[in-house]
Every structure is written in C-alpha cells, then in structure tokens.
Amino acid sequence: MQVNQAIAAALIGGGVDTMFGLIGDSNLFMVNEFVETHGGRYVSAVHEASSVMMAHGYASRSGRVGVATVTQGPGLTNTATALVETVRASTPLVMLIGDTAPSNLRNLQSLAQEPFVRATGAEYLLVESPETAAETVCRALRIAAGQSRPVVVNCPTEYMWVEVAEPALDPSEEFIEAASAVQHELDEAELDTAVGLIASATRPLVVVGRGVVDSNAGKTIKDFSERLGAPLLTTLRARNLYGAGDGSLGVFGTLSSEKGAQAIVESDCVVVFGASLNTWTTAHNTLLTGKPVVHVDVQRATLGRFTAVTAPVCGDAATVAEAITTWLDEGEIEPATFRARVASDLVAHDLEAAPVSRDRLSFAGVLTDLMAAVDEQRTVVFDGGRFLGEAFAHVHAPGVARQVLSTSFGAIGMGMGAAIGAAVAASGEPTVLVTGDGGFMMNGLAELQSAVRQQIPLTVLVCNDGSYGAEYDQYVAKGVRPDLSLFEWPSFADVATALGAAGVTVGRLEDVSAAVEAIRTHDKCLVIDIQVGPDQVVEVPH
C-alpha cells in the first residue's frame, strides 16, 4: 500500500465520508483513492479558502469533523483567512496539505509551513515518516473532534508513493466517535465565590454560548436557569437554542431585542456558560459594567479573556451547573422572582423585528417576504457585511444547528463556501445564503459555479447596496465623499444565469412577487439580487 492510499483508508476508518478541497501535486492521488476505491464524496472548490469554509459549513451543520485538502505553498497560504475564521469559531476540522521536499530549495512553492499554520492558531501535525502517515491522520481527527479546533496535517509530497504496510485501523465506535472534552476537577474556591454571588442576586440572568451547544448541555442549563429564577439569553452563535417557552429573551449583546435589553439593564448578576464574552456580545463591555459576572468555560484561557469577570469557574457547563444547584439546594436558597416577572414579555424569536416598511424597497421587507416562501425546515448561512443588522433581524433558522455563521473573523466573502458545505450536510433540505454584494463578488461568484457544477442547490440572497457598506458609513459620518466605497457591479442575476443558475433581480417593490415565485418553484441554484441604495441600509450595531 502506498502512503496516498493509507491516508485515504485512515479517513474512511475514522468515519469520514465527505471531503472538500482543491487538488494539486500533493493530494490528487490521495483524493482519487478516497473517491474511487472507498466511494467517498469529494466536493471541489475553485479557491482553497472556500474548501476550508466548505468543511466549516459541513461541520457546523452536521456536528461532525469537516475535512478539507489543499496542496502545498500557495495552496496553503490561500487558506489563511478561512483558517483563522475556523479557529475563532472553534470548528472541528482537519485540513490535509502537502509540502515540498527539504532538498528542493529551488521549488517555487517552498514555504516554512509550520509557522504559517501556527500563526493562524490552528494545530499543526507533521507526518514525520511514511510509516506514520495514517496514524497522524487518525490523531488529527481525534484532536479536531475532542478539542473542537482545526488541525492541519502536513504530509511531505515525496512520501505519497512510498510503500508502507496497510495501517491497522480500529473501526470501532470508540475510534469513530468524537472524543470528550477534557474534564476538569472543579475548584471549590471558585465554586464558593460563584455560589455566593448567585445566592445574593435578586435579578440574575443566565447567558448561554456556543460551548453549551457543542457539549449538549442545553437542557441542563435551561433547568439551571429555572432553578435560579433567571431569564435565559444566548450569544448570537447559540441563537435559536431556546424559545420563549424555555424562558428565552433572545440574544445578549448588540442584537438584543428591546425586552431583552431591558432585562439586561435591570439584572444584578450575570451567569455565563460557554461564551467568550467578546466585544459584540458585551457591546464593548458596556452591558456588564457594574455587574457581578460568573463566567463558566471548559477552557481556562477563555475565562475573562475579553472582559474582566468577578468569578471565573473552569469546568464543563453541565457539571458546574449541577454543582452550583447542589450547593444552592443545600443552602436552601430560594429561586429569584426575576424570571416570573419578565415571563409575560418573552418574545417568540431571538430578535424582535421592527415593523417592516412597505412603502419603499428595503432589505428588511424583501428578506421577510422571501423567507416566508422558504420551507421552514431550512438551513441559513450568514456571510459578513453591513447588511447583517437587518439579516439577523428578519432571517431565522428553525434551530441552532441550522444556523451557520462565517463571521468570527469579521471578514466578508466566506459565506458561499460555508453554504455549500452546509448544504451537503443538510441533504434534501433547502439551504439559504444571505450575503452582501462585496462578499458575493469576492468569492461567491466563483463558488456559485462550484455549486452549479456539482448540483448542490442553494438559494442565495444578495443584499446589494452597490458599496462596501461599512466604509461608506465612515466616509459619510466624517463628511467625506463616499465615491471610493461605491461600485457598479454587473447584473448578478444575469451572471448567475450565465453560470447555470437561475437569477432574479429585485430593484422595485413590484419585483418581489417574482422573487417569491422563483423560490417556490426553482429546482437548481437561485440567486436573488436585492438592490437597495447604500444610504437606505440599517447599519449593524458595533
């Protein structure tokens, strides 16, 4: 068996049946082996960054490890932004790359790949010998699953044709299942401080982040919030984990509903599980000013990383919640009445949408009408851009697993790759991408062709204001002519049609009905170009 065959076998043995990528010198025969010998599915990208985002979308939607592969040198450097995105999103992902031979110093694609990878924050594993190739791939899958992070595996290209013994792979459930997160012995002093703050609070809030979703602790934390008598809020990444019936007031942060914001202001203690408390969640720390904060996370490095917290507690969310509950019960501490007081004001969605104007064309109005035409069992993917303020308010997925974000690095243009990966994971269900015109031009058009080519149906809603919106706002705010931020794009509907998709332009109110009909009847990729002036867009809060 050759190394390229051993790597393909290791992937299959590790439960991988889908891989995304762009082939080159280092990986083309491994990918062929994965497909032709083992029957794996390979989804090809036009750009290497998109292959990583495809794996991200797949992992986010499926809950499994996403796998991508690119070639060495420029193939790797093209993934930089996407790798950082997946690191910050804590995506369980393995990326397989090659490397030029150390003796081939004149190779144009030579690069010091380890420091490049580590600069993104991803884990780096080197295949140190042909005999260890399969073992290294298996280790990468376990790290990615167990630590919920990207791992880059570098297998020198010259190894690919070396003969090795067939790897002894263990196909048991123990190997295939994701490894559990590292368990920490709880610090009683940390618990004591946290319980003291919670017991003395009369208006506690519980905030839930993506870490709770990933550890399947949602029900435990919901029960905990009921025990405290505390309303629930989530970060954006955990949006739709709970509904109004669970005591949820929606999103905690810059996208809070009016009633959620009121509860945040009134609260006298905030208990946070599995959230980083970044500047968007805390509105530059203003939402936590003067409040005791209990911050629980399984990773100690996360505690207080972005904002000062009163009581950091390192441990698994469910374990900590159960321990605090036990201490409260032993101390006969009664639940607060705060949850009951705000119960009548709970909203049905995470974001309370403002009334939509129907006397002019707006992203809010069009998005509302179009989403009403999409099947409720849908996956929704969000690209980055100024349009997000309205998109988050008017576009919803039916559950947290069906919402995929590509915004952890603040980049634009990452969404189309993520949408393709999510659509592959959500086979048979509609997948909707909401993107901006700048992001769509950056990577969306190229990868739209990837979706068409591989018959992956997507509905793409382009919020087209003919500008780079955030830059437009800054120019206008400073009294500077915004011309440099304005663009005259081609007709996205026409270009989509040329690429083999369907295209509809919404430039007037009377165009909306045709777009709605297209959503209801299309059987292939559909691009809807929603054209609104740059001065008519509601800016996303910062």
Protein backbone atom coordinates (compact mmCIF):
# COMPACT_ATOMS: atom_id res chain seq x y z
CA MET A 1 0.00 0.00 0.00
CA GLN A 2 1.24 3.50 -0.82
CA VAL A 3 1.02 6.46 1.55
CA ASN A 4 -1.68 8.18 -0.52
CA GLN A 5 -3.77 5.02 -0.18
CA ALA A 6 -3.05 4.74 3.55
CA ILE A 7 -4.24 8.31 4.17
CA ALA A 8 -7.48 7.70 2.27
CA ALA A 9 -8.04 4.49 4.25
CA ALA A 10 -7.38 6.31 7.53
CA LEU A 11 -10.02 8.90 6.68
CA ILE A 12 -12.59 6.26 5.87
CA GLY A 13 -11.66 4.32 9.00
CA GLY A 14 -12.16 7.48 11.02
CA GLY A 15 -15.75 7.84 9.83
CA VAL A 16 -15.08 10.46 7.13
CA ASP A 17 -17.26 10.07 4.05
CA THR A 18 -17.07 13.62 2.62
CA MET A 19 -14.05 15.75 1.78
CA PHE A 20 -13.78 19.25 0.33
CA GLY A 21 -10.78 20.59 -1.48
CA LEU A 22 -8.68 21.68 -4.38
CA ILE A 23 -6.29 19.13 -5.83
CA GLY A 24 -2.61 19.69 -6.66
CA ASP A 25 0.70 17.87 -6.67
CA SER A 26 0.47 16.77 -3.07
CA ASN A 27 -3.05 15.41 -2.83
CA LEU A 28 -4.51 14.49 -6.20
CA PHE A 29 -3.85 10.75 -5.93
CA MET A 30 -4.99 10.61 -2.28
CA VAL A 31 -8.28 12.26 -3.26
CA ASN A 32 -8.69 9.88 -6.19
CA GLU A 33 -8.14 6.93 -3.85
CA PHE A 34 -10.70 8.33 -1.40
CA VAL A 35 -13.30 8.55 -4.17
CA GLU A 36 -12.56 5.64 -6.50
CA THR A 37 -11.54 2.94 -4.02
CA HIS A 38 -13.60 3.87 -0.96
CA GLY A 39 -16.61 5.61 -2.50
CA GLY A 40 -16.10 8.83 -0.55
CA ARG A 41 -17.68 12.06 -1.71
CA TYR A 42 -15.33 14.80 -2.88
CA VAL A 43 -16.66 18.34 -3.33
CA SER A 44 -14.26 20.53 -5.24
CA ALA A 45 -13.76 24.27 -4.74
CA VAL A 46 -12.48 26.98 -7.06
CA HIS A 47 -10.39 28.63 -4.33
CA GLU A 48 -8.57 26.99 -1.41
CA ALA A 49 -10.15 29.28 1.19
CA SER A 50 -13.55 28.09 0.06
CA SER A 51 -12.61 24.45 0.58
CA VAL A 52 -11.86 25.22 4.23
CA MET A 53 -15.13 27.13 4.57
CA MET A 54 -16.99 24.24 2.96
CA ALA A 55 -15.58 21.95 5.64
CA HIS A 56 -16.56 24.57 8.24
CA GLY A 57 -20.14 24.72 6.97
CA TYR A 58 -20.33 20.95 6.87
CA ALA A 59 -19.01 20.62 10.43
CA SER A 60 -21.30 23.37 11.73
CA ARG A 61 -24.41 21.83 10.19
CA SER A 62 -23.63 18.13 10.76
CA GLY A 63 -21.84 18.19 14.11
CA ARG A 64 -19.10 16.02 12.58
CA VAL A 65 -15.47 16.78 11.79
CA GLY A 66 -15.12 18.64 8.50
CA VAL A 67 -12.26 17.59 6.23
CA ALA A 68 -10.55 19.73 3.59
CA THR A 69 -7.45 19.24 1.47
CA VAL A 70 -5.24 21.65 -0.47
CA THR A 71 -1.77 21.47 -1.92
CA GLN A 72 1.45 22.99 -0.60
CA GLY A 73 2.81 26.54 -0.68
CA PRO A 74 0.33 28.90 -2.34
CA GLY A 75 -2.41 26.33 -1.84
CA LEU A 76 -1.86 26.65 1.89
CA THR A 77 -1.37 30.44 2.01
CA ASN A 78 -4.67 30.92 0.16
CA THR A 79 -6.45 29.39 3.17
CA ALA A 80 -5.21 31.93 5.73
CA THR A 81 -8.39 33.94 6.33
CA ALA A 82 -10.57 30.84 6.33
CA LEU A 83 -8.27 29.06 8.79
CA VAL A 84 -8.41 31.97 11.21
CA GLU A 85 -12.19 32.00 10.85
CA THR A 86 -12.42 28.32 11.79
CA VAL A 87 -10.00 28.74 14.69
CA ARG A 88 -12.10 31.55 16.16
CA ALA A 89 -15.28 29.62 15.52
CA SER A 90 -13.83 26.52 17.26
CA THR A 91 -14.65 24.37 14.26
CA PRO A 92 -13.71 20.66 14.44
CA LEU A 93 -11.82 20.43 11.16
CA VAL A 94 -8.88 18.60 9.62
CA MET A 95 -7.02 20.09 6.67
CA LEU A 96 -4.64 17.83 4.76
CA ILE A 97 -1.77 19.56 2.96
CA GLY A 98 1.47 18.56 1.25
CA ASP A 99 4.96 20.03 1.36
CA THR A 100 7.90 20.35 -0.99
CA ALA A 101 10.95 18.25 -0.31
CA PRO A 102 13.50 19.95 2.01
CA SER A 103 16.21 19.24 -0.58
CA ASN A 104 14.24 21.02 -3.31
CA LEU A 105 15.22 24.55 -2.29
CA ARG A 106 14.54 26.00 -5.74
CA ASN A 107 10.94 24.89 -5.86
CA LEU A 108 8.77 27.97 -6.36
CA GLN A 109 6.22 26.63 -3.88
CA SER A 110 8.64 26.20 -0.96
CA LEU A 111 7.38 27.73 2.28
CA ALA A 112 8.01 27.45 6.01
CA GLN A 113 4.58 25.94 6.52
CA GLU A 114 4.57 25.21 10.25
CA PRO A 115 4.98 28.84 11.43
CA PHE A 116 2.41 29.92 8.86
CA VAL A 117 -0.15 27.44 10.17
CA ARG A 118 0.55 28.20 13.82
CA ALA A 119 0.16 31.94 13.15
CA THR A 120 -3.49 31.26 12.31
CA GLY A 121 -4.00 29.50 15.64
CA ALA A 122 -4.58 26.06 14.12
CA GLU A 123 -2.88 22.93 15.42
CA TYR A 124 -0.09 21.57 13.22
CA LEU A 125 0.89 17.94 12.83
CA LEU A 126 3.79 16.81 10.63
CA VAL A 127 3.88 13.34 9.11
CA GLU A 128 7.41 12.55 10.21
CA SER A 129 7.80 9.37 8.17
CA PRO A 130 5.79 7.47 5.56
CA GLU A 131 5.04 4.77 8.12
CA THR A 132 3.30 7.25 10.44
CA ALA A 133 1.04 8.92 7.84
CA ALA A 134 -2.17 7.03 8.66
CA GLU A 135 -1.55 7.26 12.40
CA THR A 136 -1.05 11.04 12.16
CA VAL A 137 -4.31 11.48 10.24
CA CYS A 138 -6.17 9.44 12.87
CA ARG A 139 -4.63 11.56 15.62
CA ALA A 140 -5.71 14.73 13.83
CA LEU A 141 -9.31 13.52 13.64
CA ARG A 142 -9.32 12.81 17.37
CA ILE A 143 -7.84 16.21 18.25
CA ALA A 144 -10.25 18.07 15.99
CA ALA A 145 -13.25 16.27 17.47
CA GLY A 146 -12.13 16.26 21.09
CA GLN A 147 -10.87 19.84 21.24
CA SER A 148 -13.24 21.34 18.65
CA ARG A 149 -10.49 23.05 16.69
CA PRO A 150 -8.85 22.95 13.25
CA VAL A 151 -5.85 20.67 12.77
CA VAL A 152 -3.54 20.91 9.75
CA VAL A 153 -1.74 17.71 8.73
CA ASN A 154 1.38 18.20 6.62
CA CYS A 155 2.44 15.12 4.67
CA PRO A 156 5.53 15.78 2.54
CA THR A 157 4.63 15.19 -1.08
CA GLU A 158 7.56 12.87 -1.74
CA TYR A 159 6.07 10.38 0.75
CA MET A 160 2.89 9.83 -1.27
CA TRP A 161 4.26 7.00 -3.44
CA VAL A 162 6.27 5.24 -0.71
CA GLU A 163 5.16 1.69 0.02
CA VAL A 164 4.05 1.09 3.62
CA ALA A 165 2.27 -1.65 5.49
CA GLU A 166 -1.50 -1.48 5.50
CA PRO A 167 -2.48 0.51 8.62
CA ALA A 168 -4.12 -1.39 11.44
CA LEU A 169 -7.16 0.83 11.86
CA ASP A 170 -9.74 0.34 14.59
CA PRO A 171 -13.21 0.87 13.08
CA SER A 172 -14.89 0.63 16.49
CA GLU A 173 -17.30 3.23 17.83
CA GLU A 174 -14.69 4.35 20.34
CA PHE A 175 -12.45 5.45 17.49
CA ILE A 176 -15.15 6.98 15.29
CA GLU A 177 -16.98 8.95 17.97
CA ALA A 178 -15.79 12.42 18.93
CA ALA A 179 -13.52 12.39 21.93
CA SER A 180 -14.94 14.06 25.01
CA ALA A 181 -13.71 17.43 26.10
CA VAL A 182 -11.08 17.34 28.82
CA GLN A 183 -12.76 17.14 32.20
CA HIS A 184 -11.54 19.41 34.95
CA GLU A 185 -11.76 18.80 38.66
CA LEU A 186 -13.81 21.72 39.89
CA ASP A 187 -12.08 24.24 42.14
CA GLU A 188 -14.15 24.55 45.32
CA ALA A 189 -12.89 28.08 45.98
CA GLU A 190 -14.07 29.16 42.52
CA LEU A 191 -17.44 27.48 43.12
CA ASP A 192 -17.78 29.08 46.53
CA THR A 193 -17.28 32.57 45.10
CA ALA A 194 -19.72 31.91 42.26
CA VAL A 195 -22.41 30.49 44.55
CA GLY A 196 -22.07 33.44 46.90
CA LEU A 197 -22.74 35.91 44.09
CA ILE A 198 -25.65 33.91 42.70
CA ALA A 199 -27.27 33.35 46.08
CA SER A 200 -27.26 37.07 46.86
CA ALA A 201 -28.70 38.10 43.48
CA THR A 202 -32.36 39.05 43.15
CA ARG A 203 -32.34 39.63 39.38
CA PRO A 204 -29.98 37.01 37.87
CA LEU A 205 -29.56 36.35 34.16
CA VAL A 206 -28.15 33.24 32.51
CA VAL A 207 -26.25 33.70 29.25
CA VAL A 208 -25.57 30.67 27.04
CA GLY A 209 -22.86 30.48 24.37
CA ARG A 210 -21.90 28.04 21.66
CA GLY A 211 -19.90 25.95 24.13
CA VAL A 212 -23.16 24.79 25.68
CA VAL A 213 -24.45 23.73 22.27
CA ASP A 214 -21.28 21.83 21.43
CA SER A 215 -21.28 19.98 24.76
CA ASN A 216 -25.01 19.10 24.52
CA ALA A 217 -25.63 20.84 27.83
CA GLY A 218 -28.61 22.89 26.64
CA LYS A 219 -31.26 21.15 28.75
CA THR A 220 -29.09 21.15 31.87
CA ILE A 221 -28.55 24.91 31.61
CA LYS A 222 -32.24 25.51 30.91
CA ASP A 223 -33.10 23.59 34.10
CA PHE A 224 -30.42 25.59 35.93
CA SER A 225 -31.95 28.89 34.84
CA GLU A 226 -35.34 27.74 36.12
CA ARG A 227 -33.76 26.80 39.46
CA LEU A 228 -32.23 30.28 39.72
CA GLY A 229 -35.42 32.02 38.61
CA ALA A 230 -33.37 33.65 35.87
CA PRO A 231 -34.35 34.52 32.30
CA LEU A 232 -32.19 32.98 29.55
CA LEU A 233 -30.32 34.80 26.82
CA THR A 234 -27.89 33.40 24.26
CA THR A 235 -24.99 34.68 22.26
CA LEU A 236 -25.53 35.05 18.52
CA ARG A 237 -23.76 31.75 17.85
CA ALA A 238 -26.21 29.95 20.15
CA ARG A 239 -29.26 31.75 18.76
CA ASN A 240 -32.37 29.55 18.43
CA LEU A 241 -31.16 27.08 21.06
CA TYR A 242 -34.13 28.11 23.20
CA GLY A 243 -37.56 29.54 22.52
CA ALA A 244 -39.90 31.74 24.50
CA GLY A 245 -41.35 28.70 26.24
CA ASP A 246 -37.91 27.96 27.66
CA GLY A 247 -37.67 31.39 29.24
CA SER A 248 -35.52 32.87 26.46
CA LEU A 249 -35.34 36.61 25.91
CA GLY A 250 -33.25 36.22 22.78
CA VAL A 251 -29.73 37.42 22.09
CA PHE A 252 -27.47 39.00 24.70
CA GLY A 253 -25.43 41.73 23.06
CA THR A 254 -25.62 44.34 20.35
CA LEU A 255 -28.51 42.46 18.70
CA SER A 256 -30.68 42.24 21.80
CA SER A 257 -34.41 42.79 21.50
CA GLU A 258 -35.92 45.73 23.36
CA LYS A 259 -37.27 43.50 26.13
CA GLY A 260 -34.01 41.57 26.32
CA ALA A 261 -32.04 44.79 26.65
CA GLN A 262 -34.34 45.95 29.43
CA ALA A 263 -33.78 42.73 31.37
CA ILE A 264 -30.01 43.08 30.92
CA VAL A 265 -30.09 46.59 32.34
CA GLU A 266 -32.19 45.51 35.34
CA SER A 267 -30.13 42.39 36.14
CA ASP A 268 -27.84 42.33 39.18
CA CYS A 269 -25.81 39.19 38.33
CA VAL A 270 -24.92 37.56 35.00
CA VAL A 271 -24.05 33.85 34.87
CA VAL A 272 -22.34 32.93 31.60
CA PHE A 273 -21.80 29.41 30.23
CA GLY A 274 -19.64 28.58 27.21
CA ALA A 275 -19.28 32.08 25.74
CA SER A 276 -16.15 34.11 25.12
CA LEU A 277 -17.83 37.43 26.03
CA ASN A 278 -16.34 39.22 23.04
CA THR A 279 -16.98 42.88 22.28
CA TRP A 280 -20.12 42.17 20.21
CA THR A 281 -21.65 40.06 22.96
CA THR A 282 -20.91 42.65 25.64
CA ALA A 283 -21.34 45.80 23.47
CA HIS A 284 -17.74 46.77 24.25
CA ASN A 285 -18.26 45.64 27.87
CA THR A 286 -21.00 48.23 28.48
CA LEU A 287 -23.64 45.56 29.17
CA LEU A 288 -21.63 44.12 32.06
CA THR A 289 -20.44 47.35 33.67
CA GLY A 290 -21.04 47.31 37.41
CA LYS A 291 -22.50 43.79 37.43
CA PRO A 292 -21.03 40.68 39.09
CA VAL A 293 -20.23 38.16 36.35
CA VAL A 294 -19.86 34.41 36.87
CA HIS A 295 -18.03 33.04 33.82
CA VAL A 296 -18.00 29.27 33.23
CA ASP A 297 -15.98 27.62 30.47
CA VAL A 298 -14.15 24.34 29.98
CA GLN A 299 -11.09 26.20 28.68
CA ARG A 300 -9.39 28.29 31.37
CA ALA A 301 -7.80 30.55 28.75
CA THR A 302 -11.27 31.72 27.74
CA LEU A 303 -12.21 32.94 31.22
CA GLY A 304 -12.03 36.72 31.36
CA ARG A 305 -10.16 36.85 28.06
CA PHE A 306 -12.11 39.78 26.61
CA THR A 307 -13.64 41.31 29.71
CA ALA A 308 -12.99 41.27 33.45
CA VAL A 309 -15.18 38.80 35.32
CA THR A 310 -15.89 38.55 39.02
CA ALA A 311 -15.99 34.78 39.42
CA PRO A 312 -14.28 32.60 36.79
CA VAL A 313 -15.09 28.88 37.05
CA CYS A 314 -13.22 26.38 34.91
CA GLY A 315 -15.26 23.31 34.09
CA ASP A 316 -17.82 21.67 31.85
CA ALA A 317 -21.07 23.67 31.71
CA ALA A 318 -23.35 20.85 32.82
CA THR A 319 -21.04 19.75 35.63
CA VAL A 320 -20.68 23.28 37.00
CA ALA A 321 -24.42 23.98 36.76
CA GLU A 322 -25.24 20.78 38.63
CA ALA A 323 -22.64 21.55 41.31
CA ILE A 324 -23.97 25.08 41.86
CA THR A 325 -27.52 23.73 42.02
CA THR A 326 -26.48 21.24 44.70
CA TRP A 327 -24.89 23.99 46.80
CA LEU A 328 -27.98 26.23 46.43
CA ASP A 329 -30.25 23.35 47.43
CA GLU A 330 -28.10 22.53 50.45
CA GLY A 331 -28.21 26.17 51.49
CA GLU A 332 -31.99 26.26 50.95
CA ILE A 333 -31.64 29.29 48.66
CA GLU A 334 -34.98 30.11 47.05
CA PRO A 335 -35.23 30.92 43.32
CA ALA A 336 -35.38 34.58 42.38
CA THR A 337 -38.64 36.04 41.08
CA PHE A 338 -36.98 37.86 38.18
CA ARG A 339 -37.82 35.18 35.61
CA ALA A 340 -41.50 35.13 36.55
CA ARG A 341 -41.71 38.93 36.42
CA VAL A 342 -40.49 39.14 32.85
CA ALA A 343 -42.26 35.96 31.66
CA SER A 344 -45.17 37.83 30.11
CA ASP A 345 -42.74 39.81 27.96
CA LEU A 346 -40.88 36.87 26.44
CA VAL A 347 -40.59 37.11 22.67
CA ALA A 348 -41.12 34.33 20.19
CA HIS A 349 -37.84 34.94 18.34
CA ASP A 350 -34.34 35.82 19.44
CA LEU A 351 -34.68 39.23 17.81
CA GLU A 352 -37.80 41.32 17.98
CA ALA A 353 -38.16 42.58 14.43
CA ALA A 354 -39.20 46.18 13.99
CA PRO A 355 -42.25 46.79 11.79
CA VAL A 356 -41.31 46.44 8.13
CA SER A 357 -41.99 49.40 5.87
CA ARG A 358 -43.93 48.52 2.72
CA ASP A 359 -43.87 51.94 1.05
CA ARG A 360 -40.31 51.52 -0.27
CA LEU A 361 -37.88 48.75 -1.14
CA SER A 362 -35.79 47.63 1.83
CA PHE A 363 -33.67 44.65 2.76
CA ALA A 364 -35.92 44.11 5.79
CA GLY A 365 -39.10 43.93 3.74
CA VAL A 366 -37.72 41.78 0.93
CA LEU A 367 -35.93 39.36 3.28
CA THR A 368 -39.11 38.96 5.32
CA ASP A 369 -41.19 38.13 2.24
CA LEU A 370 -38.61 35.79 0.74
CA MET A 371 -38.03 33.82 3.93
CA ALA A 372 -41.78 33.31 4.26
CA ALA A 373 -41.60 31.43 0.96
CA VAL A 374 -38.77 29.10 2.05
CA ASP A 375 -39.58 25.79 3.71
CA GLU A 376 -39.44 26.14 7.49
CA GLN A 377 -37.01 23.22 7.78
CA ARG A 378 -34.17 25.21 6.28
CA THR A 379 -30.51 25.86 6.93
CA VAL A 380 -29.47 29.52 6.91
CA VAL A 381 -25.89 30.66 6.35
CA PHE A 382 -24.74 34.23 7.02
CA ASP A 383 -21.84 35.93 5.28
CA GLY A 384 -20.26 39.07 6.77
CA GLY A 385 -21.18 42.65 5.93
CA ARG A 386 -23.15 45.73 6.91
CA PHE A 387 -26.41 44.06 5.85
CA LEU A 388 -26.22 41.74 8.88
CA GLY A 389 -28.17 44.10 11.11
CA GLU A 390 -31.28 43.56 9.02
CA ALA A 391 -30.47 39.99 8.04
CA PHE A 392 -30.21 38.77 11.64
CA ALA A 393 -33.47 40.52 12.50
CA HIS A 394 -35.51 39.12 9.62
CA VAL A 395 -33.89 35.82 8.67
CA HIS A 396 -34.19 32.91 11.08
CA ALA A 397 -33.34 29.23 11.12
CA PRO A 398 -35.63 26.80 12.97
CA GLY A 399 -32.90 25.75 15.40
CA VAL A 400 -29.34 26.43 16.44
CA ALA A 401 -27.98 23.51 14.38
CA ARG A 402 -29.46 25.02 11.22
CA GLN A 403 -27.75 28.40 11.63
CA VAL A 404 -24.23 28.64 10.18
CA LEU A 405 -22.10 31.75 10.67
CA SER A 406 -18.94 32.77 8.82
CA THR A 407 -18.37 35.96 10.78
CA SER A 408 -15.96 35.07 13.59
CA PHE A 409 -13.03 36.90 11.95
CA GLY A 410 -15.08 39.85 10.74
CA ALA A 411 -14.32 39.00 7.10
CA ILE A 412 -16.63 39.11 4.10
CA GLY A 413 -16.76 36.58 1.29
CA MET A 414 -16.57 33.46 3.45
CA GLY A 415 -20.25 32.61 3.23
CA MET A 416 -20.59 30.83 -0.12
CA GLY A 417 -18.10 28.12 0.80
CA ALA A 418 -19.81 27.64 4.15
CA ALA A 419 -23.19 27.43 2.44
CA ILE A 420 -22.03 24.69 0.07
CA GLY A 421 -20.67 22.63 2.96
CA ALA A 422 -23.84 23.17 4.99
CA ALA A 423 -26.00 22.17 2.02
CA VAL A 424 -24.02 18.94 1.61
CA ALA A 425 -24.60 18.16 5.31
CA ALA A 426 -28.30 19.10 5.11
CA SER A 427 -29.01 17.00 2.03
CA GLY A 428 -32.63 17.26 0.96
CA GLU A 429 -33.35 20.43 2.91
CA PRO A 430 -33.20 23.96 1.48
CA THR A 431 -30.10 25.99 2.27
CA VAL A 432 -30.22 29.78 2.13
CA LEU A 433 -27.15 32.03 1.99
CA VAL A 434 -27.54 35.68 2.92
CA THR A 435 -24.59 37.68 1.61
CA GLY A 436 -23.63 41.17 0.55
CA ASP A 437 -22.63 42.37 -2.88
CA GLY A 438 -18.96 42.79 -1.91
CA GLY A 439 -18.73 39.32 -0.38
CA PHE A 440 -20.57 37.78 -3.31
CA MET A 441 -18.13 39.34 -5.78
CA MET A 442 -15.14 38.32 -3.67
CA ASN A 443 -15.77 34.55 -3.51
CA GLY A 444 -19.46 33.97 -4.12
CA LEU A 445 -19.49 34.07 -7.90
CA ALA A 446 -16.62 31.62 -8.27
CA GLU A 447 -18.09 29.14 -5.82
CA LEU A 448 -21.60 29.57 -7.22
CA GLN A 449 -20.18 27.78 -10.23
CA SER A 450 -18.91 25.06 -7.88
CA ALA A 451 -22.44 24.60 -6.55
CA VAL A 452 -23.92 24.53 -10.05
CA ARG A 453 -21.24 22.16 -11.33
CA GLN A 454 -21.88 19.68 -8.51
CA GLN A 455 -25.66 20.12 -8.43
CA ILE A 456 -25.75 21.48 -4.89
CA PRO A 457 -28.93 23.57 -4.71
CA LEU A 458 -28.65 26.89 -2.91
CA THR A 459 -30.81 29.96 -2.59
CA VAL A 460 -28.53 33.00 -2.50
CA LEU A 461 -29.95 36.30 -1.31
CA VAL A 462 -27.58 39.13 -2.26
CA CYS A 463 -28.12 42.29 -0.22
CA ASN A 464 -26.76 44.62 -2.89
CA ASP A 465 -26.24 48.24 -1.90
CA GLY A 466 -23.59 48.84 -4.56
CA SER A 467 -20.94 49.61 -2.00
CA TYR A 468 -18.63 48.43 0.72
CA GLY A 469 -21.15 49.49 3.31
CA ALA A 470 -19.10 49.90 6.47
CA GLU A 471 -16.63 52.10 4.60
CA TYR A 472 -19.49 54.07 3.05
CA ASP A 473 -20.86 54.81 6.53
CA GLN A 474 -17.48 56.00 7.79
CA TYR A 475 -16.97 58.32 4.84
CA VAL A 476 -20.44 59.83 5.26
CA ALA A 477 -20.05 60.19 9.03
CA LYS A 478 -16.87 62.21 8.54
CA GLY A 479 -18.31 64.36 5.78
CA VAL A 480 -16.10 62.75 3.10
CA ARG A 481 -17.38 61.92 -0.37
CA PRO A 482 -18.07 58.15 -0.36
CA ASP A 483 -17.19 57.61 -4.04
CA LEU A 484 -14.29 55.26 -3.29
CA SER A 485 -16.66 52.89 -1.49
CA LEU A 486 -19.20 52.73 -4.34
CA PHE A 487 -19.22 50.10 -7.09
CA GLU A 488 -21.13 49.43 -10.28
CA TRP A 489 -21.44 45.66 -10.31
CA PRO A 490 -22.70 43.59 -13.24
CA SER A 491 -26.22 42.20 -13.02
CA PHE A 492 -25.86 39.35 -10.55
CA ALA A 493 -29.00 37.71 -11.98
CA ASP A 494 -27.54 37.73 -15.49
CA VAL A 495 -24.16 36.42 -14.35
CA ALA A 496 -25.85 33.69 -12.29
CA THR A 497 -27.82 32.63 -15.34
CA ALA A 498 -24.63 32.52 -17.41
CA LEU A 499 -23.09 30.22 -14.79
CA GLY A 500 -26.00 27.81 -14.99
CA ALA A 501 -28.07 29.04 -12.04
CA ALA A 502 -31.37 30.91 -12.05
CA GLY A 503 -31.32 34.66 -11.41
CA VAL A 504 -33.87 37.25 -10.35
CA THR A 505 -33.38 40.99 -9.82
CA VAL A 506 -35.39 42.85 -7.18
CA GLY A 507 -34.94 46.54 -7.86
CA ARG A 508 -38.55 47.65 -7.35
CA LEU A 509 -41.35 46.69 -5.00
CA GLU A 510 -43.23 45.03 -7.85
CA ASP A 511 -40.27 42.65 -8.41
CA VAL A 512 -40.73 40.95 -5.04
CA SER A 513 -43.57 38.70 -6.17
CA ALA A 514 -41.42 37.26 -8.98
CA ALA A 515 -38.64 36.51 -6.50
CA VAL A 516 -41.09 34.80 -4.16
CA GLU A 517 -42.38 32.68 -7.03
CA ALA A 518 -38.82 31.77 -8.04
CA ILE A 519 -38.10 30.50 -4.51
CA ARG A 520 -41.23 28.35 -4.56
CA THR A 521 -40.59 26.81 -7.97
CA HIS A 522 -36.83 26.68 -8.57
CA ASP A 523 -35.09 23.30 -8.75
CA LYS A 524 -31.48 24.49 -9.03
CA CYS A 525 -29.24 27.21 -7.62
CA LEU A 526 -31.08 30.52 -7.41
CA VAL A 527 -29.56 34.00 -6.98
CA ILE A 528 -31.82 36.89 -5.98
CA ASP A 529 -30.18 40.28 -6.39
CA ILE A 530 -31.85 42.69 -3.93
CA GLN A 531 -30.87 46.23 -4.92
CA VAL A 532 -31.16 48.94 -2.27
CA GLY A 533 -29.29 52.26 -2.19
CA PRO A 534 -26.31 52.49 0.19
CA ASP A 535 -28.00 55.27 2.15
CA GLN A 536 -31.05 53.07 2.81
CA VAL A 537 -29.32 50.32 4.78
CA VAL A 538 -29.69 49.96 8.54
CA GLU A 539 -26.16 49.68 9.91
CA VAL A 540 -25.31 46.66 12.02
CA PRO A 541 -24.55 47.69 15.63
CA HIS A 542 -20.91 47.65 16.76
